């Protein structure tokens, strides 16, 4: 299946109407599993889509998060980052290089939503920070 058609199917699965901009942003996320920021996505797509605005990228990502097609990560103090992998997993951010890594070997019980009569919990985000092996010199 061609990548654009695959992207269209993915968007439709989440009731998102594919447009040229939405398809481009989603394809970028699918092909660049680096947990990019809005600026990174905009700078990568702008050379081939000069009419694309940063506001369009922001609104597109906001829609993707609202519909559940993408996770917004608040792991970085400066920027939201986006992850197309919506499975339950944790994240690690390196305090030296700033790269964000997926961690899949986290106990599934950590992702279970606790029951409370004081509030309704809708999601769980688990993140770790430290120094990655590349920055440690290993």
N, C-alpha and C. Protein backbone atom coordinates (compact mmCIF):
# COMPACT_ATOMS: atom_id res chain seq x y z
N UNK A 1 0.85 -1.18 0.00
CA UNK A 1 0.00 0.00 0.00
C UNK A 1 0.90 1.24 0.00
N UNK A 2 0.54 2.24 -0.78
CA UNK A 2 1.38 3.43 -0.84
C UNK A 2 1.25 4.24 0.46
N UNK A 3 2.35 4.92 0.85
CA UNK A 3 2.37 5.61 2.15
C UNK A 3 1.25 6.64 2.35
N UNK A 4 0.91 7.38 1.32
CA UNK A 4 -0.15 8.39 1.46
C UNK A 4 -1.49 7.72 1.70
N UNK A 5 -1.76 6.64 0.99
CA UNK A 5 -3.01 5.91 1.19
C UNK A 5 -3.05 5.32 2.61
N UNK A 6 -1.92 4.81 3.07
CA UNK A 6 -1.82 4.28 4.43
C UNK A 6 -2.11 5.39 5.45
N UNK A 7 -1.59 6.56 5.22
CA UNK A 7 -1.81 7.71 6.11
C UNK A 7 -3.28 8.10 6.09
N UNK A 8 -3.89 8.12 4.92
CA UNK A 8 -5.32 8.45 4.81
C UNK A 8 -6.16 7.45 5.62
N UNK A 9 -5.83 6.17 5.51
CA UNK A 9 -6.56 5.15 6.27
C UNK A 9 -6.40 5.38 7.78
N UNK A 10 -5.19 5.73 8.20
CA UNK A 10 -4.94 5.97 9.62
C UNK A 10 -5.77 7.17 10.09
N UNK A 11 -5.77 8.24 9.33
CA UNK A 11 -6.55 9.43 9.71
C UNK A 11 -8.04 9.10 9.78
N UNK A 12 -8.56 8.40 8.79
CA UNK A 12 -9.98 8.05 8.76
C UNK A 12 -10.36 7.15 9.92
N UNK A 13 -9.44 6.30 10.35
CA UNK A 13 -9.68 5.42 11.50
C UNK A 13 -10.02 6.23 12.76
N UNK A 14 -9.50 7.46 12.82
CA UNK A 14 -9.75 8.34 13.95
C UNK A 14 -10.75 9.44 13.61
N UNK A 15 -11.50 9.24 12.52
CA UNK A 15 -12.52 10.20 12.07
C UNK A 15 -11.93 11.58 11.77
N UNK A 16 -10.75 11.58 11.17
CA UNK A 16 -10.09 12.81 10.76
C UNK A 16 -10.12 12.86 9.23
N UNK A 17 -10.71 13.91 8.69
CA UNK A 17 -10.78 14.07 7.25
C UNK A 17 -9.38 14.41 6.71
N UNK A 18 -8.85 13.57 5.82
CA UNK A 18 -7.51 13.85 5.28
C UNK A 18 -7.50 15.10 4.41
N UNK A 19 -6.57 15.97 4.66
CA UNK A 19 -6.31 17.12 3.79
C UNK A 19 -4.83 17.05 3.44
N UNK A 20 -4.40 17.90 2.54
CA UNK A 20 -2.98 17.88 2.15
C UNK A 20 -2.10 18.16 3.37
N UNK A 21 -2.48 19.16 4.18
CA UNK A 21 -1.68 19.52 5.35
C UNK A 21 -1.72 18.42 6.41
N UNK A 22 -2.90 17.90 6.70
CA UNK A 22 -3.02 16.85 7.71
C UNK A 22 -2.23 15.61 7.31
N UNK A 23 -2.32 15.26 6.04
CA UNK A 23 -1.59 14.10 5.54
C UNK A 23 -0.09 14.31 5.67
N UNK A 24 0.38 15.50 5.32
CA UNK A 24 1.81 15.79 5.40
C UNK A 24 2.31 15.73 6.84
N UNK A 25 1.56 16.31 7.77
CA UNK A 25 1.97 16.29 9.18
C UNK A 25 1.98 14.86 9.71
N UNK A 26 0.94 14.10 9.40
CA UNK A 26 0.88 12.71 9.88
C UNK A 26 1.98 11.86 9.26
N UNK A 27 2.24 12.02 7.97
CA UNK A 27 3.32 11.27 7.33
C UNK A 27 4.66 11.60 7.98
N UNK A 28 4.85 12.88 8.31
CA UNK A 28 6.10 13.27 8.99
C UNK A 28 6.22 12.53 10.32
N UNK A 29 5.13 12.53 11.09
CA UNK A 29 5.16 11.84 12.40
C UNK A 29 5.41 10.35 12.24
N UNK A 30 4.80 9.74 11.23
CA UNK A 30 4.97 8.30 11.01
C UNK A 30 6.39 7.94 10.56
N UNK A 31 7.01 8.85 9.83
CA UNK A 31 8.34 8.59 9.29
C UNK A 31 9.47 9.10 10.17
N UNK A 32 9.15 9.92 11.16
CA UNK A 32 10.16 10.52 12.03
C UNK A 32 9.74 10.31 13.48
N UNK A 33 10.05 9.16 13.99
CA UNK A 33 9.62 8.77 15.35
C UNK A 33 10.57 9.36 16.39
N UNK A 34 10.80 10.66 16.29
CA UNK A 34 11.75 11.36 17.16
C UNK A 34 11.06 12.23 18.20
N UNK A 35 9.74 12.15 18.31
CA UNK A 35 8.96 12.98 19.23
C UNK A 35 9.21 14.46 18.93
N UNK A 36 8.91 14.87 17.69
CA UNK A 36 9.25 16.23 17.27
C UNK A 36 8.35 17.29 17.93
N UNK A 37 8.85 18.51 17.91
CA UNK A 37 8.10 19.68 18.36
C UNK A 37 7.36 20.27 17.16
N UNK A 38 6.48 21.23 17.42
CA UNK A 38 5.79 21.92 16.34
C UNK A 38 6.80 22.59 15.41
N UNK A 39 7.80 23.25 16.00
CA UNK A 39 8.81 23.92 15.18
C UNK A 39 9.57 22.95 14.29
N UNK A 40 9.93 21.79 14.81
CA UNK A 40 10.65 20.80 14.01
C UNK A 40 9.81 20.33 12.84
N UNK A 41 8.54 20.08 13.09
CA UNK A 41 7.64 19.63 12.01
C UNK A 41 7.49 20.73 10.98
N UNK A 42 7.24 21.94 11.44
CA UNK A 42 7.06 23.08 10.53
C UNK A 42 8.31 23.28 9.66
N UNK A 43 9.49 23.31 10.28
CA UNK A 43 10.73 23.53 9.54
C UNK A 43 11.01 22.42 8.53
N UNK A 44 10.61 21.19 8.86
CA UNK A 44 10.83 20.07 7.95
C UNK A 44 9.89 20.12 6.75
N UNK A 45 8.64 20.54 6.98
CA UNK A 45 7.64 20.53 5.91
C UNK A 45 7.61 21.81 5.07
N UNK A 46 8.01 22.91 5.65
CA UNK A 46 7.90 24.21 4.97
C UNK A 46 8.61 24.29 3.62
N UNK A 47 9.80 23.71 3.45
CA UNK A 47 10.46 23.81 2.14
C UNK A 47 9.64 23.23 0.99
N UNK A 48 8.87 22.17 1.26
CA UNK A 48 8.06 21.56 0.19
C UNK A 48 6.62 22.05 0.22
N UNK A 49 6.24 22.74 1.30
CA UNK A 49 4.88 23.29 1.44
C UNK A 49 4.99 24.74 1.93
N UNK A 50 5.43 25.65 1.07
CA UNK A 50 5.66 27.03 1.51
C UNK A 50 4.41 27.76 2.02
N UNK A 51 3.24 27.27 1.68
CA UNK A 51 2.01 27.92 2.17
C UNK A 51 1.60 27.42 3.55
N UNK A 52 2.29 26.41 4.05
CA UNK A 52 1.99 25.86 5.37
C UNK A 52 2.42 26.85 6.45
N UNK A 53 1.54 27.12 7.37
CA UNK A 53 1.88 28.02 8.48
C UNK A 53 2.11 27.21 9.75
N UNK A 54 2.81 27.82 10.70
CA UNK A 54 3.03 27.18 11.99
C UNK A 54 1.70 27.00 12.72
N UNK A 55 0.77 27.93 12.51
CA UNK A 55 -0.56 27.83 13.11
C UNK A 55 -1.29 26.61 12.59
N UNK A 56 -1.16 26.33 11.30
CA UNK A 56 -1.80 25.14 10.73
C UNK A 56 -1.22 23.87 11.34
N UNK A 57 0.10 23.83 11.52
CA UNK A 57 0.73 22.67 12.14
C UNK A 57 0.20 22.51 13.57
N UNK A 58 0.14 23.60 14.31
CA UNK A 58 -0.37 23.57 15.69
C UNK A 58 -1.80 23.06 15.73
N UNK A 59 -2.67 23.63 14.90
CA UNK A 59 -4.08 23.23 14.87
C UNK A 59 -4.25 21.78 14.42
N UNK A 60 -3.43 21.35 13.49
CA UNK A 60 -3.48 19.96 13.01
C UNK A 60 -3.10 19.00 14.13
N UNK A 61 -2.02 19.30 14.83
CA UNK A 61 -1.59 18.45 15.94
C UNK A 61 -2.62 18.45 17.07
N UNK A 62 -3.22 19.60 17.32
CA UNK A 62 -4.26 19.71 18.34
C UNK A 62 -5.44 18.79 17.99
N UNK A 63 -5.83 18.77 16.71
CA UNK A 63 -6.90 17.88 16.25
C UNK A 63 -6.50 16.42 16.41
N UNK A 64 -5.27 16.09 16.02
CA UNK A 64 -4.79 14.71 16.14
C UNK A 64 -4.84 14.23 17.59
N UNK A 65 -4.43 15.09 18.51
CA UNK A 65 -4.45 14.74 19.93
C UNK A 65 -5.89 14.58 20.41
N UNK A 66 -6.74 15.53 20.03
CA UNK A 66 -8.16 15.48 20.43
C UNK A 66 -8.84 14.20 19.98
N UNK A 67 -8.50 13.75 18.77
CA UNK A 67 -9.12 12.55 18.20
C UNK A 67 -8.42 11.26 18.65
N UNK A 68 -7.29 11.37 19.35
CA UNK A 68 -6.60 10.19 19.85
C UNK A 68 -5.63 9.55 18.88
N UNK A 69 -5.30 10.23 17.79
CA UNK A 69 -4.40 9.67 16.79
C UNK A 69 -2.93 9.88 17.15
N UNK A 70 -2.66 10.82 18.06
CA UNK A 70 -1.31 11.20 18.44
C UNK A 70 -1.31 11.54 19.93
N UNK A 71 -0.18 11.31 20.59
CA UNK A 71 -0.02 11.73 21.98
C UNK A 71 0.77 13.04 22.02
N UNK A 72 0.34 13.97 22.85
CA UNK A 72 1.13 15.16 23.14
C UNK A 72 1.90 14.87 24.41
N UNK A 73 3.20 15.08 24.37
CA UNK A 73 4.04 14.83 25.53
C UNK A 73 4.43 16.14 26.17
N UNK A 74 4.35 16.20 27.47
CA UNK A 74 4.78 17.39 28.20
C UNK A 74 6.06 17.08 28.98
N UNK A 75 6.94 16.36 28.33
CA UNK A 75 8.19 15.91 28.94
C UNK A 75 9.26 17.00 28.87
N UNK A 76 9.14 17.92 27.95
CA UNK A 76 10.12 18.97 27.70
C UNK A 76 9.59 20.26 28.32
N UNK A 77 10.41 20.97 29.08
CA UNK A 77 9.99 22.22 29.72
C UNK A 77 9.65 23.32 28.72
N UNK A 78 10.24 23.26 27.54
CA UNK A 78 10.09 24.35 26.58
C UNK A 78 9.01 24.11 25.53
N UNK A 79 8.83 22.87 25.10
CA UNK A 79 7.94 22.58 23.98
C UNK A 79 7.15 21.30 24.21
N UNK A 80 5.94 21.29 23.66
CA UNK A 80 5.21 20.03 23.58
C UNK A 80 5.88 19.20 22.50
N UNK A 81 5.88 17.90 22.67
CA UNK A 81 6.40 16.98 21.67
C UNK A 81 5.29 16.02 21.31
N UNK A 82 5.39 15.42 20.14
CA UNK A 82 4.29 14.60 19.63
C UNK A 82 4.78 13.21 19.26
N UNK A 83 3.93 12.22 19.60
CA UNK A 83 4.27 10.82 19.39
C UNK A 83 3.10 10.14 18.69
N UNK A 84 3.35 9.56 17.54
CA UNK A 84 2.31 8.86 16.79
C UNK A 84 2.05 7.47 17.38
N UNK A 85 2.94 6.98 18.21
CA UNK A 85 2.72 5.69 18.87
C UNK A 85 1.83 5.93 20.09
N UNK A 86 0.58 5.53 19.97
CA UNK A 86 -0.40 5.79 21.03
C UNK A 86 -0.56 4.61 21.98
N UNK A 87 0.30 3.60 21.84
CA UNK A 87 0.25 2.47 22.78
C UNK A 87 0.75 2.95 24.15
N UNK A 88 0.44 2.18 25.18
CA UNK A 88 0.91 2.51 26.53
C UNK A 88 2.41 2.28 26.61
N UNK A 89 3.14 3.35 26.80
CA UNK A 89 4.59 3.27 27.00
C UNK A 89 5.06 4.55 27.68
N UNK A 90 6.23 4.49 28.24
CA UNK A 90 6.81 5.64 28.92
C UNK A 90 7.82 6.32 28.00
N UNK A 91 8.33 7.45 28.48
CA UNK A 91 9.32 8.19 27.72
C UNK A 91 10.50 8.58 28.61
N UNK A 92 11.66 8.71 27.99
CA UNK A 92 12.88 9.14 28.67
C UNK A 92 13.42 10.33 27.90
N UNK A 93 13.74 11.42 28.59
CA UNK A 93 14.37 12.57 27.94
C UNK A 93 15.77 12.73 28.52
N UNK A 94 16.72 12.89 27.63
CA UNK A 94 18.10 13.09 28.04
C UNK A 94 18.28 14.55 28.43
N UNK A 95 18.77 14.78 29.63
CA UNK A 95 19.00 16.15 30.11
C UNK A 95 20.17 16.82 29.42
N UNK A 96 20.96 16.05 28.68
CA UNK A 96 22.11 16.62 28.00
C UNK A 96 21.79 16.97 26.54
N UNK A 97 21.33 15.98 25.76
CA UNK A 97 21.09 16.21 24.32
C UNK A 97 19.63 16.55 24.01
N UNK A 98 18.72 16.28 24.93
CA UNK A 98 17.31 16.61 24.73
C UNK A 98 16.52 15.60 23.92
N UNK A 99 17.15 14.51 23.50
CA UNK A 99 16.41 13.50 22.74
C UNK A 99 15.44 12.77 23.64
N UNK A 100 14.29 12.41 23.05
CA UNK A 100 13.26 11.67 23.77
C UNK A 100 13.23 10.24 23.21
N UNK A 101 13.23 9.27 24.11
CA UNK A 101 13.23 7.87 23.73
C UNK A 101 11.99 7.19 24.30
N UNK A 102 11.47 6.20 23.56
CA UNK A 102 10.36 5.38 24.05
C UNK A 102 10.90 4.32 24.99
N UNK A 103 10.13 4.01 26.03
CA UNK A 103 10.45 2.90 26.94
C UNK A 103 9.22 2.01 26.99
N UNK A 104 9.36 0.80 26.48
CA UNK A 104 8.22 -0.12 26.38
C UNK A 104 8.18 -1.16 27.49
N UNK A 105 9.27 -1.34 28.23
CA UNK A 105 9.30 -2.39 29.25
C UNK A 105 8.88 -1.87 30.63
N UNK A 106 7.86 -1.03 30.66
CA UNK A 106 7.31 -0.49 31.90
C UNK A 106 6.13 -1.36 32.32
N UNK A 107 6.00 -1.60 33.59
CA UNK A 107 4.91 -2.42 34.10
C UNK A 107 3.55 -1.88 33.66
N UNK A 108 2.72 -2.72 33.04
CA UNK A 108 1.40 -2.28 32.58
C UNK A 108 0.52 -1.73 33.71
N UNK A 109 0.77 -2.17 34.94
CA UNK A 109 -0.06 -1.69 36.05
C UNK A 109 0.15 -0.19 36.30
N UNK A 110 1.28 0.35 35.89
CA UNK A 110 1.51 1.79 36.05
C UNK A 110 0.56 2.63 35.20
N UNK A 111 0.05 2.03 34.13
CA UNK A 111 -0.84 2.75 33.23
C UNK A 111 -2.32 2.59 33.58
N UNK A 112 -2.62 1.78 34.57
CA UNK A 112 -4.02 1.61 34.98
C UNK A 112 -4.49 2.89 35.67
N UNK A 113 -5.66 3.35 35.27
CA UNK A 113 -6.19 4.58 35.85
C UNK A 113 -6.82 4.28 37.21
N UNK A 114 -6.35 4.95 38.26
CA UNK A 114 -6.95 4.73 39.58
C UNK A 114 -8.35 5.32 39.64
N UNK A 115 -9.17 4.73 40.47
CA UNK A 115 -10.54 5.20 40.65
C UNK A 115 -10.54 6.20 41.81
N UNK A 116 -11.21 7.32 41.61
CA UNK A 116 -11.29 8.33 42.66
C UNK A 116 -12.66 8.98 42.64
N UNK A 117 -13.18 9.28 43.81
CA UNK A 117 -14.45 10.00 43.86
C UNK A 117 -14.23 11.51 43.88
N UNK A 118 -12.98 11.95 43.89
CA UNK A 118 -12.66 13.38 43.93
C UNK A 118 -12.40 13.98 42.55
N UNK A 119 -12.02 13.13 41.59
CA UNK A 119 -11.74 13.60 40.23
C UNK A 119 -11.80 12.43 39.26
N UNK A 120 -11.87 12.75 37.99
CA UNK A 120 -11.89 11.74 36.94
C UNK A 120 -10.56 11.79 36.20
N UNK A 121 -9.81 10.72 36.28
CA UNK A 121 -8.53 10.65 35.59
C UNK A 121 -8.78 10.14 34.18
N UNK A 122 -8.22 10.84 33.20
CA UNK A 122 -8.45 10.47 31.81
C UNK A 122 -7.22 9.92 31.11
N UNK A 123 -6.05 10.18 31.65
CA UNK A 123 -4.86 9.65 31.00
C UNK A 123 -3.70 9.60 31.99
N UNK A 124 -2.70 8.83 31.63
CA UNK A 124 -1.49 8.68 32.44
C UNK A 124 -0.31 8.91 31.51
N UNK A 125 0.64 9.72 31.97
CA UNK A 125 1.87 9.92 31.21
C UNK A 125 3.03 9.67 32.16
N UNK A 126 3.89 8.73 31.79
CA UNK A 126 5.04 8.38 32.62
C UNK A 126 6.30 8.79 31.87
N UNK A 127 7.12 9.58 32.54
CA UNK A 127 8.36 10.01 31.90
C UNK A 127 9.51 9.96 32.90
N UNK A 128 10.66 9.72 32.35
CA UNK A 128 11.90 9.66 33.12
C UNK A 128 12.87 10.65 32.50
N UNK A 129 13.81 11.13 33.29
CA UNK A 129 14.86 11.98 32.74
C UNK A 129 16.19 11.56 33.31
N UNK A 130 17.23 11.89 32.60
CA UNK A 130 18.59 11.52 33.01
C UNK A 130 19.53 11.76 31.85
N UNK A 131 20.57 10.97 31.78
CA UNK A 131 21.56 11.10 30.73
C UNK A 131 21.57 9.82 29.91
N UNK A 132 21.41 9.94 28.59
CA UNK A 132 21.41 8.76 27.71
C UNK A 132 22.84 8.21 27.57
N UNK A 133 22.93 6.98 27.13
CA UNK A 133 24.23 6.32 26.97
C UNK A 133 25.14 7.06 25.98
N UNK A 134 24.59 7.65 24.94
CA UNK A 134 25.39 8.39 23.97
C UNK A 134 26.08 9.58 24.63
N UNK A 135 25.34 10.26 25.51
CA UNK A 135 25.92 11.43 26.20
C UNK A 135 26.87 11.02 27.33
N UNK A 136 26.64 9.85 27.91
CA UNK A 136 27.52 9.34 28.97
C UNK A 136 28.84 8.87 28.40
N UNK A 137 28.86 8.61 27.09
CA UNK A 137 30.08 8.13 26.46
C UNK A 137 30.17 6.62 26.38
N UNK A 138 29.04 5.92 26.60
CA UNK A 138 29.03 4.46 26.51
C UNK A 138 28.77 4.00 25.11
